[in-house]
């Protein structure tokens, strides 16, 4: 979470329940490798912009493989979404913190 902040629209759900579901989905995603960018479990996803690797949010295939939609769906969220804290960050092999 050093690079991103969770975002959600107000959907009438209890905010603490929504945060708990987001944390559960985040932890599930962090425990598996990404089938799209091929980072190992425990690492942030990466994208390429202008030939440079940058930190990226969990790719949709990784969220699907972690079964995140079944955790988030009951609270009205259909994928982890977050905004960058500040700009783009060069991709490093940082470990993803558990929430």
C-alpha atoms as a PDB file:
ATOM      1  CA  UNK A   1       0.000   0.000   0.000  1.00  0.00           C
ATOM      2  CA  UNK A   2       3.014   2.292  -0.181  1.00  0.00           C
ATOM      3  CA  UNK A   3       2.121   3.127  -3.769  1.00  0.00           C
ATOM      4  CA  UNK A   4      -1.689   3.044  -3.871  1.00  0.00           C
ATOM      5  CA  UNK A   5      -4.751   4.113  -1.869  1.00  0.00           C
ATOM      6  CA  UNK A   6      -8.041   2.194  -2.103  1.00  0.00           C
ATOM      7  CA  UNK A   7     -10.897   4.072  -3.709  1.00  0.00           C
ATOM      8  CA  UNK A   8     -14.595   3.227  -3.769  1.00  0.00           C
ATOM      9  CA  UNK A   9     -17.750   5.090  -4.571  1.00  0.00           C
ATOM     10  CA  UNK A  10     -20.392   5.294  -1.878  1.00  0.00           C
ATOM     11  CA  UNK A  11     -22.645   2.374  -2.717  1.00  0.00           C
ATOM     12  CA  UNK A  12     -24.748   2.293   0.440  1.00  0.00           C
ATOM     13  CA  UNK A  13     -22.716  -0.498   2.047  1.00  0.00           C
ATOM     14  CA  UNK A  14     -21.161  -0.233   5.492  1.00  0.00           C
ATOM     15  CA  UNK A  15     -17.708   1.347   4.925  1.00  0.00           C
ATOM     16  CA  UNK A  16     -16.030  -1.005   7.404  1.00  0.00           C
ATOM     17  CA  UNK A  17     -17.484  -4.043   5.645  1.00  0.00           C
ATOM     18  CA  UNK A  18     -16.253  -2.669   2.315  1.00  0.00           C
ATOM     19  CA  UNK A  19     -12.742  -2.074   3.719  1.00  0.00           C
ATOM     20  CA  UNK A  20     -12.668  -5.591   5.180  1.00  0.00           C
ATOM     21  CA  UNK A  21     -13.595  -7.065   1.794  1.00  0.00           C
ATOM     22  CA  UNK A  22     -10.933  -4.937   0.084  1.00  0.00           C
ATOM     23  CA  UNK A  23      -8.303  -6.108   2.570  1.00  0.00           C
ATOM     24  CA  UNK A  24      -9.320  -9.736   2.093  1.00  0.00           C
ATOM     25  CA  UNK A  25      -9.154  -9.416  -1.704  1.00  0.00           C
ATOM     26  CA  UNK A  26      -5.804  -7.557  -1.512  1.00  0.00           C
ATOM     27  CA  UNK A  27      -4.290 -10.305   0.661  1.00  0.00           C
ATOM     28  CA  UNK A  28      -5.628 -13.033  -1.636  1.00  0.00           C
ATOM     29  CA  UNK A  29      -4.150 -11.309  -4.701  1.00  0.00           C
ATOM     30  CA  UNK A  30      -0.804 -10.817  -3.020  1.00  0.00           C
ATOM     31  CA  UNK A  31      -0.501 -14.550  -2.360  1.00  0.00           C
ATOM     32  CA  UNK A  32      -0.540 -15.641  -6.007  1.00  0.00           C
ATOM     33  CA  UNK A  33       1.613 -14.918  -9.041  1.00  0.00           C
ATOM     34  CA  UNK A  34       0.202 -12.709 -11.798  1.00  0.00           C
ATOM     35  CA  UNK A  35      -0.629 -14.609 -15.000  1.00  0.00           C
ATOM     36  CA  UNK A  36      -0.441 -11.386 -17.043  1.00  0.00           C
ATOM     37  CA  UNK A  37       2.872  -9.782 -16.046  1.00  0.00           C
ATOM     38  CA  UNK A  38       4.358 -12.949 -14.525  1.00  0.00           C
ATOM     39  CA  UNK A  39       5.560 -11.448 -11.244  1.00  0.00           C
ATOM     40  CA  UNK A  40       5.850 -13.977  -8.456  1.00  0.00           C
ATOM     41  CA  UNK A  41       3.500 -14.149  -5.493  1.00  0.00           C
ATOM     42  CA  UNK A  42       4.203 -11.411  -2.997  1.00  0.00           C
ATOM     43  CA  UNK A  43       5.232  -8.800  -5.571  1.00  0.00           C
ATOM     44  CA  UNK A  44       3.362  -5.841  -7.037  1.00  0.00           C
ATOM     45  CA  UNK A  45       2.247  -6.170 -10.650  1.00  0.00           C
ATOM     46  CA  UNK A  46       4.174  -4.247 -13.250  1.00  0.00           C
ATOM     47  CA  UNK A  47       3.376  -2.428 -16.458  1.00  0.00           C
ATOM     48  CA  UNK A  48       5.613  -0.920 -19.103  1.00  0.00           C
ATOM     49  CA  UNK A  49       5.385   2.751 -20.031  1.00  0.00           C
ATOM     50  CA  UNK A  50       7.843   4.212 -22.539  1.00  0.00           C
ATOM     51  CA  UNK A  51       9.993   1.105 -22.144  1.00  0.00           C
ATOM     52  CA  UNK A  52      10.265   1.374 -18.361  1.00  0.00           C
ATOM     53  CA  UNK A  53       8.712  -0.995 -15.837  1.00  0.00           C
ATOM     54  CA  UNK A  54       6.428   0.712 -13.313  1.00  0.00           C
ATOM     55  CA  UNK A  55       4.407  -0.417 -10.298  1.00  0.00           C
ATOM     56  CA  UNK A  56       0.858  -1.368 -11.259  1.00  0.00           C
ATOM     57  CA  UNK A  57      -2.294  -2.339  -9.445  1.00  0.00           C
ATOM     58  CA  UNK A  58      -3.241  -6.004  -9.458  1.00  0.00           C
ATOM     59  CA  UNK A  59      -4.093  -6.969 -13.028  1.00  0.00           C
ATOM     60  CA  UNK A  60      -7.584  -8.325 -13.674  1.00  0.00           C
ATOM     61  CA  UNK A  61      -6.350 -11.875 -14.425  1.00  0.00           C
ATOM     62  CA  UNK A  62      -4.590 -11.918 -11.042  1.00  0.00           C
ATOM     63  CA  UNK A  63      -7.731 -10.676  -9.287  1.00  0.00           C
ATOM     64  CA  UNK A  64      -9.753 -13.377 -11.050  1.00  0.00           C
ATOM     65  CA  UNK A  65      -7.223 -16.096 -10.158  1.00  0.00           C
ATOM     66  CA  UNK A  66      -7.336 -14.978  -6.512  1.00  0.00           C
ATOM     67  CA  UNK A  67     -11.146 -15.152  -6.575  1.00  0.00           C
ATOM     68  CA  UNK A  68     -11.357 -11.467  -5.602  1.00  0.00           C
ATOM     69  CA  UNK A  69     -14.679 -10.916  -7.440  1.00  0.00           C
ATOM     70  CA  UNK A  70     -16.452 -13.376  -5.117  1.00  0.00           C
ATOM     71  CA  UNK A  71     -15.131 -11.470  -2.081  1.00  0.00           C
ATOM     72  CA  UNK A  72     -15.911  -8.013  -3.452  1.00  0.00           C
ATOM     73  CA  UNK A  73     -19.196  -8.733  -5.254  1.00  0.00           C
ATOM     74  CA  UNK A  74     -21.336  -9.042  -2.101  1.00  0.00           C
ATOM     75  CA  UNK A  75     -20.329  -5.491  -1.086  1.00  0.00           C
ATOM     76  CA  UNK A  76     -21.069  -4.084  -4.543  1.00  0.00           C
ATOM     77  CA  UNK A  77     -17.496  -3.832  -5.830  1.00  0.00           C
ATOM     78  CA  UNK A  78     -16.442  -5.542  -9.029  1.00  0.00           C
ATOM     79  CA  UNK A  79     -12.666  -5.240  -8.845  1.00  0.00           C
ATOM     80  CA  UNK A  80      -9.970  -3.724  -6.682  1.00  0.00           C
ATOM     81  CA  UNK A  81      -9.493  -0.111  -7.608  1.00  0.00           C
ATOM     82  CA  UNK A  82      -7.114   2.398  -6.180  1.00  0.00           C
ATOM     83  CA  UNK A  83      -5.418   5.622  -7.035  1.00  0.00           C
ATOM     84  CA  UNK A  84      -1.702   6.254  -7.118  1.00  0.00           C
ATOM     85  CA  UNK A  85      -0.278   8.035  -4.105  1.00  0.00           C
ATOM     86  CA  UNK A  86       2.098  10.161  -6.176  1.00  0.00           C
ATOM     87  CA  UNK A  87       2.878   9.691  -9.851  1.00  0.00           C
ATOM     88  CA  UNK A  88       4.457   6.578 -11.292  1.00  0.00           C
ATOM     89  CA  UNK A  89       6.984   4.509  -9.416  1.00  0.00           C
ATOM     90  CA  UNK A  90       9.720   2.429 -11.015  1.00  0.00           C
ATOM     91  CA  UNK A  91       9.015  -1.255 -10.534  1.00  0.00           C
ATOM     92  CA  UNK A  92      11.145  -2.957  -7.920  1.00  0.00           C
ATOM     93  CA  UNK A  93      10.874  -6.357  -6.341  1.00  0.00           C
ATOM     94  CA  UNK A  94       9.191  -4.893  -3.255  1.00  0.00           C
ATOM     95  CA  UNK A  95       7.178  -7.295  -1.152  1.00  0.00           C
ATOM     96  CA  UNK A  96       3.471  -6.530  -0.944  1.00  0.00           C
ATOM     97  CA  UNK A  97       2.406  -5.761   2.629  1.00  0.00           C
ATOM     98  CA  UNK A  98      -0.412  -7.863   4.076  1.00  0.00           C
ATOM     99  CA  UNK A  99      -3.370  -5.857   5.290  1.00  0.00           C
END
